[in-house]
Amino acid sequence: MEGTSFEKNDALKVRHLGVGIFTGTIITCLILSFFNVSSESVAMLMIFDFLFISLIFPLSGKLVKKTVLLLVGNIIGLLWNNIFSLFAHATVDYFGEFFNVWYVILNPLLNLVWIVSFWSISLSFLADSRNRKGGLET
């Protein structure tokens, strides 16, 4: 009888993964169609979506919570990339074209900072409060 429980759990994980891929595709298409974003921002959001969907959606937790976290992550990524791009353009205007080299090097590294940070915060949102040690008892 334990095999059927595992099979249902695996089917639920596959279903969540499929919904995540569908949702990520829709979010990316909406961002591309409504906002004027740079190709670097689109690439980072696609990388974020791929990593987030493949790492978070197979975990246990509510599908709605995962989907909202994916949407919030895309909004944060869009804002992060837009603000960093504006900062880079202002710095290039002030310091000169030499800063473009630093921008090319720092952009992926700083994007990695928000991606890893958001992913770890998302894991804490998905954790069941009954499984947390030292938490408040309800």
N, C-alpha and C. Protein backbone atom coordinates (compact mmCIF):
# COMPACT_ATOMS: atom_id res chain seq x y z
N MET A 1 0.80 -1.20 0.00
CA MET A 1 0.00 0.00 0.00
C MET A 1 0.84 1.27 0.00
N GLU A 2 2.06 1.19 0.49
CA GLU A 2 2.91 2.37 0.52
C GLU A 2 3.28 2.81 -0.89
N GLY A 3 3.36 1.89 -1.82
CA GLY A 3 3.71 2.23 -3.19
C GLY A 3 2.72 3.18 -3.83
N THR A 4 1.43 3.01 -3.52
CA THR A 4 0.42 3.90 -4.10
C THR A 4 0.56 5.31 -3.55
N SER A 5 0.94 5.45 -2.28
CA SER A 5 1.14 6.77 -1.70
C SER A 5 2.29 7.50 -2.39
N PHE A 6 3.37 6.76 -2.64
CA PHE A 6 4.50 7.35 -3.35
C PHE A 6 4.14 7.71 -4.78
N GLU A 7 3.35 6.86 -5.43
CA GLU A 7 2.95 7.15 -6.80
C GLU A 7 2.08 8.40 -6.88
N LYS A 8 1.17 8.57 -5.91
CA LYS A 8 0.33 9.78 -5.89
C LYS A 8 1.18 11.01 -5.64
N ASN A 9 2.15 10.89 -4.74
CA ASN A 9 3.03 12.01 -4.44
C ASN A 9 3.88 12.39 -5.66
N ASP A 10 4.39 11.38 -6.38
CA ASP A 10 5.17 11.65 -7.58
C ASP A 10 4.30 12.28 -8.68
N ALA A 11 3.07 11.80 -8.81
CA ALA A 11 2.16 12.38 -9.81
C ALA A 11 1.85 13.83 -9.47
N LEU A 12 1.69 14.12 -8.18
CA LEU A 12 1.43 15.49 -7.76
C LEU A 12 2.63 16.39 -8.06
N LYS A 13 3.84 15.88 -7.83
CA LYS A 13 5.05 16.65 -8.12
C LYS A 13 5.16 16.93 -9.61
N VAL A 14 4.86 15.95 -10.44
CA VAL A 14 4.93 16.13 -11.90
C VAL A 14 3.88 17.13 -12.34
N ARG A 15 2.69 17.06 -11.75
CA ARG A 15 1.63 18.01 -12.09
C ARG A 15 2.04 19.43 -11.69
N HIS A 16 2.61 19.59 -10.50
CA HIS A 16 3.08 20.91 -10.07
C HIS A 16 4.18 21.42 -11.00
N LEU A 17 5.07 20.55 -11.41
CA LEU A 17 6.14 20.94 -12.32
C LEU A 17 5.57 21.39 -13.66
N GLY A 18 4.58 20.68 -14.17
CA GLY A 18 3.95 21.06 -15.43
C GLY A 18 3.24 22.40 -15.34
N VAL A 19 2.52 22.61 -14.25
CA VAL A 19 1.86 23.90 -14.05
C VAL A 19 2.90 25.01 -13.90
N GLY A 20 4.00 24.72 -13.23
CA GLY A 20 5.07 25.71 -13.08
C GLY A 20 5.68 26.10 -14.40
N ILE A 21 5.92 25.13 -15.26
CA ILE A 21 6.49 25.43 -16.58
C ILE A 21 5.51 26.28 -17.39
N PHE A 22 4.24 25.91 -17.34
CA PHE A 22 3.22 26.68 -18.05
C PHE A 22 3.13 28.10 -17.52
N THR A 23 3.11 28.25 -16.20
CA THR A 23 3.02 29.57 -15.58
C THR A 23 4.26 30.41 -15.88
N GLY A 24 5.43 29.80 -15.79
CA GLY A 24 6.66 30.52 -16.11
C GLY A 24 6.69 31.01 -17.54
N THR A 25 6.20 30.21 -18.45
CA THR A 25 6.14 30.61 -19.85
C THR A 25 5.19 31.78 -20.05
N ILE A 26 4.04 31.72 -19.41
CA ILE A 26 3.06 32.81 -19.53
C ILE A 26 3.62 34.10 -18.93
N ILE A 27 4.25 33.99 -17.75
CA ILE A 27 4.81 35.19 -17.10
C ILE A 27 5.88 35.81 -17.98
N THR A 28 6.76 34.98 -18.54
CA THR A 28 7.82 35.50 -19.40
C THR A 28 7.24 36.16 -20.65
N CYS A 29 6.23 35.55 -21.25
CA CYS A 29 5.61 36.15 -22.44
C CYS A 29 4.93 37.47 -22.10
N LEU A 30 4.26 37.54 -20.94
CA LEU A 30 3.62 38.79 -20.53
C LEU A 30 4.64 39.90 -20.28
N ILE A 31 5.74 39.54 -19.63
CA ILE A 31 6.78 40.53 -19.37
C ILE A 31 7.36 41.04 -20.68
N LEU A 32 7.59 40.14 -21.62
CA LEU A 32 8.15 40.54 -22.91
C LEU A 32 7.19 41.40 -23.72
N SER A 33 5.89 41.14 -23.60
CA SER A 33 4.94 41.87 -24.43
C SER A 33 4.55 43.22 -23.84
N PHE A 34 4.56 43.37 -22.51
CA PHE A 34 4.10 44.61 -21.91
C PHE A 34 5.21 45.57 -21.51
N PHE A 35 6.39 45.07 -21.29
CA PHE A 35 7.46 45.93 -20.81
C PHE A 35 8.60 45.97 -21.82
N ASN A 36 9.26 47.10 -21.87
CA ASN A 36 10.42 47.26 -22.73
C ASN A 36 11.64 46.89 -21.90
N VAL A 37 12.04 45.62 -21.97
CA VAL A 37 13.15 45.14 -21.15
C VAL A 37 14.32 44.78 -22.05
N SER A 38 15.51 44.86 -21.46
CA SER A 38 16.71 44.55 -22.23
C SER A 38 16.87 43.04 -22.38
N SER A 39 17.71 42.66 -23.32
CA SER A 39 17.93 41.23 -23.56
C SER A 39 18.62 40.57 -22.37
N GLU A 40 19.46 41.33 -21.63
CA GLU A 40 20.11 40.77 -20.44
C GLU A 40 19.07 40.47 -19.37
N SER A 41 18.09 41.34 -19.21
CA SER A 41 17.03 41.12 -18.22
C SER A 41 16.19 39.90 -18.59
N VAL A 42 15.88 39.77 -19.85
CA VAL A 42 15.10 38.62 -20.30
C VAL A 42 15.87 37.33 -20.06
N ALA A 43 17.16 37.34 -20.36
CA ALA A 43 17.98 36.14 -20.15
C ALA A 43 18.03 35.77 -18.67
N MET A 44 18.22 36.75 -17.81
CA MET A 44 18.28 36.47 -16.37
C MET A 44 16.93 35.99 -15.84
N LEU A 45 15.84 36.57 -16.32
CA LEU A 45 14.52 36.11 -15.88
C LEU A 45 14.24 34.69 -16.36
N MET A 46 14.69 34.36 -17.55
CA MET A 46 14.50 33.00 -18.04
C MET A 46 15.34 32.01 -17.23
N ILE A 47 16.54 32.40 -16.88
CA ILE A 47 17.38 31.54 -16.04
C ILE A 47 16.74 31.38 -14.67
N PHE A 48 16.25 32.50 -14.10
CA PHE A 48 15.57 32.43 -12.81
C PHE A 48 14.36 31.51 -12.88
N ASP A 49 13.52 31.68 -13.92
CA ASP A 49 12.33 30.84 -14.05
C ASP A 49 12.71 29.37 -14.15
N PHE A 50 13.71 29.05 -14.95
CA PHE A 50 14.12 27.66 -15.10
C PHE A 50 14.59 27.08 -13.77
N LEU A 51 15.47 27.81 -13.07
CA LEU A 51 15.97 27.32 -11.79
C LEU A 51 14.87 27.23 -10.74
N PHE A 52 14.04 28.26 -10.66
CA PHE A 52 12.99 28.28 -9.65
C PHE A 52 11.98 27.16 -9.88
N ILE A 53 11.55 27.01 -11.12
CA ILE A 53 10.56 25.98 -11.42
C ILE A 53 11.13 24.59 -11.19
N SER A 54 12.35 24.35 -11.64
CA SER A 54 12.92 23.01 -11.50
C SER A 54 13.30 22.68 -10.06
N LEU A 55 13.58 23.68 -9.22
CA LEU A 55 13.99 23.41 -7.84
C LEU A 55 12.86 23.55 -6.82
N ILE A 56 11.90 24.41 -7.05
CA ILE A 56 10.85 24.68 -6.07
C ILE A 56 9.57 23.91 -6.36
N PHE A 57 9.13 23.85 -7.58
CA PHE A 57 7.83 23.26 -7.88
C PHE A 57 7.74 21.76 -7.58
N PRO A 58 8.79 20.97 -7.68
CA PRO A 58 8.66 19.56 -7.28
C PRO A 58 8.57 19.35 -5.76
N LEU A 59 8.86 20.36 -4.95
CA LEU A 59 8.80 20.21 -3.50
C LEU A 59 7.36 20.20 -3.03
N SER A 60 7.17 19.71 -1.82
CA SER A 60 5.82 19.71 -1.27
C SER A 60 5.44 21.14 -0.89
N GLY A 61 4.19 21.42 -0.98
CA GLY A 61 3.68 22.76 -0.70
C GLY A 61 2.52 23.06 -1.62
N LYS A 62 1.83 24.13 -1.32
CA LYS A 62 0.66 24.50 -2.11
C LYS A 62 1.09 25.10 -3.44
N LEU A 63 0.38 24.71 -4.49
CA LEU A 63 0.69 25.18 -5.84
C LEU A 63 0.47 26.68 -5.96
N VAL A 64 -0.55 27.19 -5.31
CA VAL A 64 -0.83 28.63 -5.38
C VAL A 64 0.32 29.42 -4.77
N LYS A 65 0.85 28.95 -3.64
CA LYS A 65 1.96 29.63 -2.98
C LYS A 65 3.20 29.61 -3.87
N LYS A 66 3.46 28.51 -4.53
CA LYS A 66 4.61 28.42 -5.43
C LYS A 66 4.46 29.36 -6.62
N THR A 67 3.25 29.41 -7.17
CA THR A 67 2.99 30.26 -8.32
C THR A 67 3.13 31.74 -7.95
N VAL A 68 2.61 32.12 -6.78
CA VAL A 68 2.74 33.51 -6.33
C VAL A 68 4.21 33.85 -6.11
N LEU A 69 4.97 32.93 -5.53
CA LEU A 69 6.40 33.16 -5.33
C LEU A 69 7.12 33.32 -6.67
N LEU A 70 6.73 32.55 -7.67
CA LEU A 70 7.33 32.69 -9.00
C LEU A 70 7.02 34.06 -9.59
N LEU A 71 5.78 34.51 -9.46
CA LEU A 71 5.40 35.83 -9.96
C LEU A 71 6.14 36.93 -9.22
N VAL A 72 6.22 36.84 -7.90
CA VAL A 72 6.94 37.84 -7.12
C VAL A 72 8.42 37.85 -7.50
N GLY A 73 9.00 36.67 -7.71
CA GLY A 73 10.40 36.58 -8.12
C GLY A 73 10.65 37.25 -9.46
N ASN A 74 9.73 37.09 -10.39
CA ASN A 74 9.88 37.75 -11.69
C ASN A 74 9.76 39.26 -11.56
N ILE A 75 8.86 39.74 -10.71
CA ILE A 75 8.73 41.18 -10.51
C ILE A 75 9.99 41.74 -9.86
N ILE A 76 10.50 41.05 -8.85
CA ILE A 76 11.73 41.49 -8.19
C ILE A 76 12.89 41.48 -9.19
N GLY A 77 12.99 40.45 -9.99
CA GLY A 77 14.06 40.37 -10.99
C GLY A 77 13.96 41.48 -12.03
N LEU A 78 12.74 41.78 -12.44
CA LEU A 78 12.55 42.86 -13.41
C LEU A 78 12.95 44.20 -12.81
N LEU A 79 12.53 44.45 -11.57
CA LEU A 79 12.91 45.70 -10.91
C LEU A 79 14.42 45.77 -10.67
N TRP A 80 14.99 44.65 -10.21
CA TRP A 80 16.43 44.60 -9.93
C TRP A 80 17.23 44.94 -11.20
N ASN A 81 16.89 44.29 -12.29
CA ASN A 81 17.62 44.51 -13.54
C ASN A 81 17.42 45.92 -14.07
N ASN A 82 16.22 46.46 -13.91
CA ASN A 82 15.96 47.81 -14.37
C ASN A 82 16.75 48.83 -13.55
N ILE A 83 16.74 48.69 -12.24
CA ILE A 83 17.48 49.62 -11.38
C ILE A 83 18.99 49.50 -11.63
N PHE A 84 19.48 48.28 -11.74
CA PHE A 84 20.91 48.11 -11.99
C PHE A 84 21.32 48.66 -13.35
N SER A 85 20.45 48.50 -14.34
CA SER A 85 20.73 49.05 -15.68
C SER A 85 20.78 50.58 -15.63
N LEU A 86 19.84 51.19 -14.92
CA LEU A 86 19.86 52.65 -14.78
C LEU A 86 21.11 53.11 -14.04
N PHE A 87 21.49 52.39 -13.01
CA PHE A 87 22.71 52.71 -12.27
C PHE A 87 23.93 52.59 -13.17
N ALA A 88 23.97 51.55 -13.99
CA ALA A 88 25.12 51.35 -14.88
C ALA A 88 25.20 52.46 -15.92
N HIS A 89 24.07 52.87 -16.48
CA HIS A 89 24.08 53.96 -17.47
C HIS A 89 24.53 55.27 -16.84
N ALA A 90 24.07 55.54 -15.63
CA ALA A 90 24.51 56.77 -14.95
C ALA A 90 26.00 56.73 -14.65
N THR A 91 26.50 55.57 -14.27
CA THR A 91 27.92 55.43 -13.96
C THR A 91 28.76 55.57 -15.22
N VAL A 92 28.29 55.03 -16.33
CA VAL A 92 29.01 55.18 -17.60
C VAL A 92 29.04 56.65 -18.01
N ASP A 93 27.94 57.35 -17.81
CA ASP A 93 27.93 58.78 -18.13
C ASP A 93 28.91 59.56 -17.26
N TYR A 94 29.07 59.15 -16.02
CA TYR A 94 29.94 59.87 -15.10
C TYR A 94 31.41 59.48 -15.26
N PHE A 95 31.69 58.16 -15.31
CA PHE A 95 33.07 57.69 -15.36
C PHE A 95 33.60 57.43 -16.77
N GLY A 96 32.73 57.25 -17.71
CA GLY A 96 33.16 56.98 -19.08
C GLY A 96 32.87 55.54 -19.49
N GLU A 97 33.21 55.23 -20.72
CA GLU A 97 32.89 53.93 -21.31
C GLU A 97 33.63 52.75 -20.65
N PHE A 98 34.66 53.02 -19.89
CA PHE A 98 35.41 51.95 -19.25
C PHE A 98 34.54 51.13 -18.30
N PHE A 99 33.53 51.76 -17.72
CA PHE A 99 32.67 51.06 -16.77
C PHE A 99 31.83 49.97 -17.44
N ASN A 100 31.64 50.04 -18.75
CA ASN A 100 30.88 48.99 -19.44
C ASN A 100 31.52 47.61 -19.26
N VAL A 101 32.86 47.57 -19.16
CA VAL A 101 33.54 46.29 -18.92
C VAL A 101 33.14 45.75 -17.55
N TRP A 102 33.11 46.64 -16.54
CA TRP A 102 32.70 46.21 -15.20
C TRP A 102 31.24 45.77 -15.18
N TYR A 103 30.40 46.44 -15.95
CA TYR A 103 28.99 46.09 -16.02
C TYR A 103 28.81 44.68 -16.58
N VAL A 104 29.56 44.36 -17.63
CA VAL A 104 29.47 43.03 -18.23
C VAL A 104 29.91 41.95 -17.25
N ILE A 105 30.90 42.25 -16.43
CA ILE A 105 31.39 41.28 -15.45
C ILE A 105 30.46 41.19 -14.24
N LEU A 106 30.01 42.34 -13.74
CA LEU A 106 29.24 42.36 -12.50
C LEU A 106 27.77 42.00 -12.67
N ASN A 107 27.20 42.23 -13.82
CA ASN A 107 25.78 41.98 -14.02
C ASN A 107 25.38 40.53 -13.71
N PRO A 108 26.03 39.51 -14.26
CA PRO A 108 25.62 38.14 -13.91
C PRO A 108 25.86 37.81 -12.44
N LEU A 109 26.93 38.32 -11.87
CA LEU A 109 27.22 38.02 -10.46
C LEU A 109 26.19 38.65 -9.54
N LEU A 110 25.81 39.88 -9.80
CA LEU A 110 24.81 40.53 -8.96
C LEU A 110 23.42 39.94 -9.18
N ASN A 111 23.14 39.48 -10.37
CA ASN A 111 21.88 38.77 -10.60
C ASN A 111 21.84 37.46 -9.83
N LEU A 112 22.98 36.81 -9.75
CA LEU A 112 23.06 35.57 -8.97
C LEU A 112 22.75 35.83 -7.50
N VAL A 113 23.13 36.99 -7.00
CA VAL A 113 22.86 37.34 -5.59
C VAL A 113 21.36 37.36 -5.32
N TRP A 114 20.58 38.04 -6.15
CA TRP A 114 19.15 38.09 -5.88
C TRP A 114 18.48 36.76 -6.17
N ILE A 115 18.96 36.01 -7.15
CA ILE A 115 18.35 34.72 -7.45
C ILE A 115 18.51 33.75 -6.29
N VAL A 116 19.73 33.63 -5.76
CA VAL A 116 19.97 32.72 -4.64
C VAL A 116 19.24 33.19 -3.39
N SER A 117 19.25 34.50 -3.14
CA SER A 117 18.55 35.03 -1.97
C SER A 117 17.05 34.77 -2.05
N PHE A 118 16.46 35.04 -3.20
CA PHE A 118 15.02 34.81 -3.33
C PHE A 118 14.68 33.33 -3.25
N TRP A 119 15.52 32.50 -3.81
CA TRP A 119 15.28 31.06 -3.76
C TRP A 119 15.30 30.57 -2.31
N SER A 120 16.26 31.03 -1.51
CA SER A 120 16.34 30.59 -0.12
C SER A 120 15.17 31.12 0.70
N ILE A 121 14.74 32.35 0.45
CA ILE A 121 13.57 32.88 1.15
C ILE A 121 12.32 32.10 0.75
N SER A 122 12.24 31.72 -0.51
CA SER A 122 11.09 30.93 -0.97
C SER A 122 11.03 29.57 -0.28
N LEU A 123 12.18 28.98 -0.04
CA LEU A 123 12.20 27.70 0.68
C LEU A 123 11.64 27.86 2.08
N SER A 124 11.93 28.97 2.73
CA SER A 124 11.41 29.17 4.08
C SER A 124 9.91 29.43 4.05
N PHE A 125 9.38 30.05 3.01
CA PHE A 125 7.94 30.23 2.90
C PHE A 125 7.22 28.91 2.67
N LEU A 126 7.87 27.98 1.98
CA LEU A 126 7.24 26.70 1.69
C LEU A 126 7.33 25.71 2.85
N ALA A 127 8.24 25.96 3.79
CA ALA A 127 8.41 25.03 4.90
C ALA A 127 7.14 25.01 5.75
N ASP A 128 6.75 23.82 6.15
CA ASP A 128 5.57 23.63 6.98
C ASP A 128 5.90 24.06 8.40
N SER A 129 5.05 24.86 9.00
CA SER A 129 5.34 25.37 10.35
C SER A 129 5.38 24.26 11.38
N ARG A 130 4.72 23.15 11.14
CA ARG A 130 4.76 22.02 12.10
C ARG A 130 6.11 21.33 12.08
N ASN A 131 6.86 21.48 11.00
CA ASN A 131 8.16 20.82 10.88
C ASN A 131 9.31 21.69 11.37
N ARG A 132 9.05 22.94 11.69
CA ARG A 132 10.11 23.84 12.12
C ARG A 132 10.42 23.59 13.59
N LYS A 133 11.69 23.48 13.91
CA LYS A 133 12.11 23.32 15.30
C LYS A 133 12.23 24.68 15.95
N GLY A 134 11.80 24.76 17.19
CA GLY A 134 11.92 26.02 17.93
C GLY A 134 10.88 27.04 17.55
N GLY A 135 9.93 26.67 16.70
CA GLY A 135 8.88 27.60 16.30
C GLY A 135 7.79 27.65 17.35
N LEU A 136 6.88 28.56 17.18
CA LEU A 136 5.76 28.68 18.10
C LEU A 136 4.78 27.55 17.86
N GLU A 137 4.29 26.99 18.92
CA GLU A 137 3.30 25.91 18.82
C GLU A 137 1.91 26.54 18.67
N THR A 138 1.12 25.98 17.77
CA THR A 138 -0.22 26.50 17.59
C THR A 138 -1.25 25.50 18.02
